[in-house]
Structures are given as structure tokens and as C-alpha cells.
């Protein structure tokens, strides 16, 4: 995931920028083409764990 962020956002290698993420989180990218025909990647969602809130823990005996 960190490699994709670095590549798609154009962050220089060795930059102090960083990303954190939780296990089972969702990161979503969207690919857009603007009116000039230029292609752009946009980070739509990062470290989204909302889907995990639907899980309920099993009761312990």
C-alpha cells in the first residue's frame, strides 16, 4: 500500500511523508481523465475500517 501511495501521488522516494493503516482497512483509488485528456489518480479512501463495525464479537462461554 505504501508503494502505491508513493507512486500514484508522485511522492519522491526518501520523502519524510508517511502513511499509517490498520489491518483489514480499505484504501480506494479512482482513475480520472480530465477535459484535457490528462490522466489522474485520486485517493478516494484511505484506512477505512467502517466495514469492520458491522462485525459483532462472539460471546464467550
N, C-alpha and C. Protein backbone atom coordinates (compact mmCIF):
# COMPACT_ATOMS: atom_id res chain seq x y z
N UNK A 1 0.82 -1.18 0.00
CA UNK A 1 0.00 0.00 0.00
C UNK A 1 0.87 1.25 0.00
N UNK A 2 1.94 1.27 0.76
CA UNK A 2 2.79 2.46 0.83
C UNK A 2 3.41 2.72 -0.54
N UNK A 3 3.78 1.67 -1.24
CA UNK A 3 4.36 1.83 -2.56
C UNK A 3 3.35 2.43 -3.53
N UNK A 4 2.12 1.97 -3.50
CA UNK A 4 1.07 2.53 -4.37
C UNK A 4 0.85 4.00 -4.06
N UNK A 5 0.79 4.36 -2.79
CA UNK A 5 0.59 5.76 -2.42
C UNK A 5 1.74 6.62 -2.94
N UNK A 6 2.96 6.15 -2.77
CA UNK A 6 4.13 6.89 -3.21
C UNK A 6 4.11 7.09 -4.72
N UNK A 7 3.80 6.03 -5.45
CA UNK A 7 3.78 6.08 -6.91
C UNK A 7 2.64 6.95 -7.43
N UNK A 8 1.42 6.68 -6.97
CA UNK A 8 0.25 7.36 -7.52
C UNK A 8 0.13 8.82 -7.09
N UNK A 9 0.67 9.17 -5.94
CA UNK A 9 0.64 10.56 -5.50
C UNK A 9 1.88 11.34 -5.93
N UNK A 10 2.84 10.64 -6.53
CA UNK A 10 4.05 11.29 -7.02
C UNK A 10 4.96 11.79 -5.91
N UNK A 11 4.98 11.09 -4.79
CA UNK A 11 5.84 11.47 -3.66
C UNK A 11 7.26 11.00 -3.95
N UNK A 12 8.25 11.89 -3.83
CA UNK A 12 9.63 11.47 -4.11
C UNK A 12 10.10 10.38 -3.14
N UNK A 13 10.89 9.45 -3.65
CA UNK A 13 11.45 8.39 -2.82
C UNK A 13 12.36 9.02 -1.78
N UNK A 14 12.26 8.59 -0.54
CA UNK A 14 13.04 9.14 0.54
C UNK A 14 12.38 10.32 1.23
N UNK A 15 11.19 10.68 0.78
CA UNK A 15 10.45 11.79 1.38
C UNK A 15 10.04 11.42 2.81
N UNK A 16 9.99 12.39 3.71
CA UNK A 16 9.57 12.09 5.09
C UNK A 16 8.07 11.84 5.22
N UNK A 17 7.32 11.95 4.13
CA UNK A 17 5.87 11.68 4.18
C UNK A 17 5.65 10.20 4.47
N UNK A 18 4.62 9.90 5.22
CA UNK A 18 4.32 8.51 5.53
C UNK A 18 2.84 8.28 5.70
N UNK A 19 2.45 7.04 5.72
CA UNK A 19 1.06 6.66 5.86
C UNK A 19 0.94 5.57 6.92
N UNK A 20 -0.12 5.64 7.67
CA UNK A 20 -0.42 4.56 8.61
C UNK A 20 -1.67 3.85 8.13
N UNK A 21 -1.81 2.60 8.54
CA UNK A 21 -3.01 1.86 8.17
C UNK A 21 -3.27 0.77 9.18
N UNK A 22 -4.53 0.41 9.29
CA UNK A 22 -4.95 -0.68 10.17
C UNK A 22 -5.09 -1.95 9.36
N UNK A 23 -4.95 -3.08 10.03
CA UNK A 23 -5.17 -4.36 9.36
C UNK A 23 -6.62 -4.41 8.90
N UNK A 24 -6.85 -4.98 7.73
CA UNK A 24 -8.17 -5.15 7.13
C UNK A 24 -8.82 -3.83 6.73
N UNK A 25 -8.03 -2.76 6.65
CA UNK A 25 -8.60 -1.49 6.20
C UNK A 25 -8.67 -1.46 4.67
N UNK A 26 -9.51 -0.59 4.16
CA UNK A 26 -9.71 -0.46 2.72
C UNK A 26 -9.13 0.87 2.25
N UNK A 27 -8.36 0.81 1.18
CA UNK A 27 -7.88 2.01 0.52
C UNK A 27 -8.40 1.95 -0.91
N UNK A 28 -8.98 3.05 -1.35
CA UNK A 28 -9.60 3.07 -2.68
C UNK A 28 -9.07 4.23 -3.50
N UNK A 29 -8.63 3.90 -4.71
CA UNK A 29 -8.14 4.89 -5.66
C UNK A 29 -9.13 5.00 -6.81
N UNK A 30 -9.24 6.19 -7.39
CA UNK A 30 -10.08 6.37 -8.57
C UNK A 30 -9.20 6.95 -9.68
N UNK A 31 -9.41 6.46 -10.88
CA UNK A 31 -8.65 6.93 -12.03
C UNK A 31 -9.56 7.85 -12.84
N UNK A 32 -9.13 9.09 -13.04
CA UNK A 32 -9.93 10.08 -13.75
C UNK A 32 -9.16 10.62 -14.95
N UNK A 33 -9.93 11.02 -15.95
CA UNK A 33 -9.36 11.71 -17.10
C UNK A 33 -10.07 13.07 -17.18
N UNK A 34 -9.29 14.14 -17.16
CA UNK A 34 -9.90 15.47 -17.16
C UNK A 34 -10.27 15.90 -18.59
N UNK A 35 -10.83 17.09 -18.72
CA UNK A 35 -11.31 17.55 -20.03
C UNK A 35 -10.18 17.77 -21.03
N UNK A 36 -8.95 17.85 -20.56
CA UNK A 36 -7.80 17.99 -21.45
C UNK A 36 -7.21 16.64 -21.84
N UNK A 37 -7.84 15.56 -21.36
CA UNK A 37 -7.36 14.22 -21.67
C UNK A 37 -6.23 13.74 -20.78
N UNK A 38 -5.93 14.51 -19.72
CA UNK A 38 -4.88 14.11 -18.79
C UNK A 38 -5.41 13.10 -17.80
N UNK A 39 -4.61 12.12 -17.51
CA UNK A 39 -4.98 11.05 -16.60
C UNK A 39 -4.49 11.36 -15.19
N UNK A 40 -5.35 11.18 -14.20
CA UNK A 40 -5.00 11.46 -12.81
C UNK A 40 -5.52 10.36 -11.90
N UNK A 41 -4.74 10.00 -10.89
CA UNK A 41 -5.19 9.11 -9.84
C UNK A 41 -5.60 9.97 -8.65
N UNK A 42 -6.73 9.65 -8.04
CA UNK A 42 -7.20 10.38 -6.87
C UNK A 42 -7.43 9.40 -5.73
N UNK A 43 -6.91 9.74 -4.56
CA UNK A 43 -7.10 8.91 -3.38
C UNK A 43 -8.49 9.20 -2.84
N UNK A 44 -9.37 8.22 -2.94
CA UNK A 44 -10.76 8.38 -2.53
C UNK A 44 -10.97 8.01 -1.07
N UNK A 45 -10.30 6.98 -0.63
CA UNK A 45 -10.50 6.47 0.73
C UNK A 45 -9.20 5.84 1.21
N UNK A 46 -8.81 6.17 2.44
CA UNK A 46 -7.58 5.60 2.99
C UNK A 46 -7.85 5.13 4.42
N UNK A 47 -7.41 3.92 4.71
CA UNK A 47 -7.52 3.36 6.06
C UNK A 47 -8.96 3.29 6.56
N UNK A 48 -9.88 2.99 5.67
CA UNK A 48 -11.30 2.91 6.01
C UNK A 48 -11.58 1.57 6.71
N UNK A 49 -12.08 1.62 7.93
CA UNK A 49 -12.40 0.41 8.68
C UNK A 49 -13.89 0.34 9.04
N UNK A 50 -14.70 1.15 8.38
CA UNK A 50 -16.14 1.18 8.68
C UNK A 50 -16.77 -0.19 8.52
N UNK A 51 -16.34 -0.97 7.53
CA UNK A 51 -16.91 -2.29 7.30
C UNK A 51 -16.70 -3.23 8.49
N UNK A 52 -15.70 -2.97 9.31
CA UNK A 52 -15.44 -3.82 10.47
C UNK A 52 -16.42 -3.55 11.61
N UNK A 53 -17.07 -2.40 11.60
CA UNK A 53 -18.02 -2.09 12.67
C UNK A 53 -19.27 -2.97 12.59
N UNK A 54 -19.48 -3.60 11.44
CA UNK A 54 -20.64 -4.48 11.27
C UNK A 54 -20.42 -5.85 11.93
N UNK A 55 -19.18 -6.15 12.24
CA UNK A 55 -18.88 -7.44 12.88
C UNK A 55 -19.18 -7.35 14.36
N UNK A 56 -19.78 -8.39 14.87
CA UNK A 56 -20.04 -8.43 16.31
C UNK A 56 -19.20 -9.55 16.92
N UNK A 57 -18.59 -9.29 18.03
CA UNK A 57 -17.79 -10.34 18.66
C UNK A 57 -18.69 -11.49 19.16
N UNK A 58 -18.15 -12.69 19.08
CA UNK A 58 -18.90 -13.84 19.59
C UNK A 58 -18.86 -13.81 21.12
N UNK A 59 -19.99 -14.13 21.75
CA UNK A 59 -20.00 -14.16 23.22
C UNK A 59 -19.09 -15.27 23.74
N UNK A 60 -18.41 -14.99 24.82
CA UNK A 60 -17.55 -16.01 25.43
C UNK A 60 -18.38 -16.84 26.39
N UNK A 61 -18.14 -18.14 26.42
CA UNK A 61 -18.95 -19.01 27.32
C UNK A 61 -18.65 -18.79 28.78
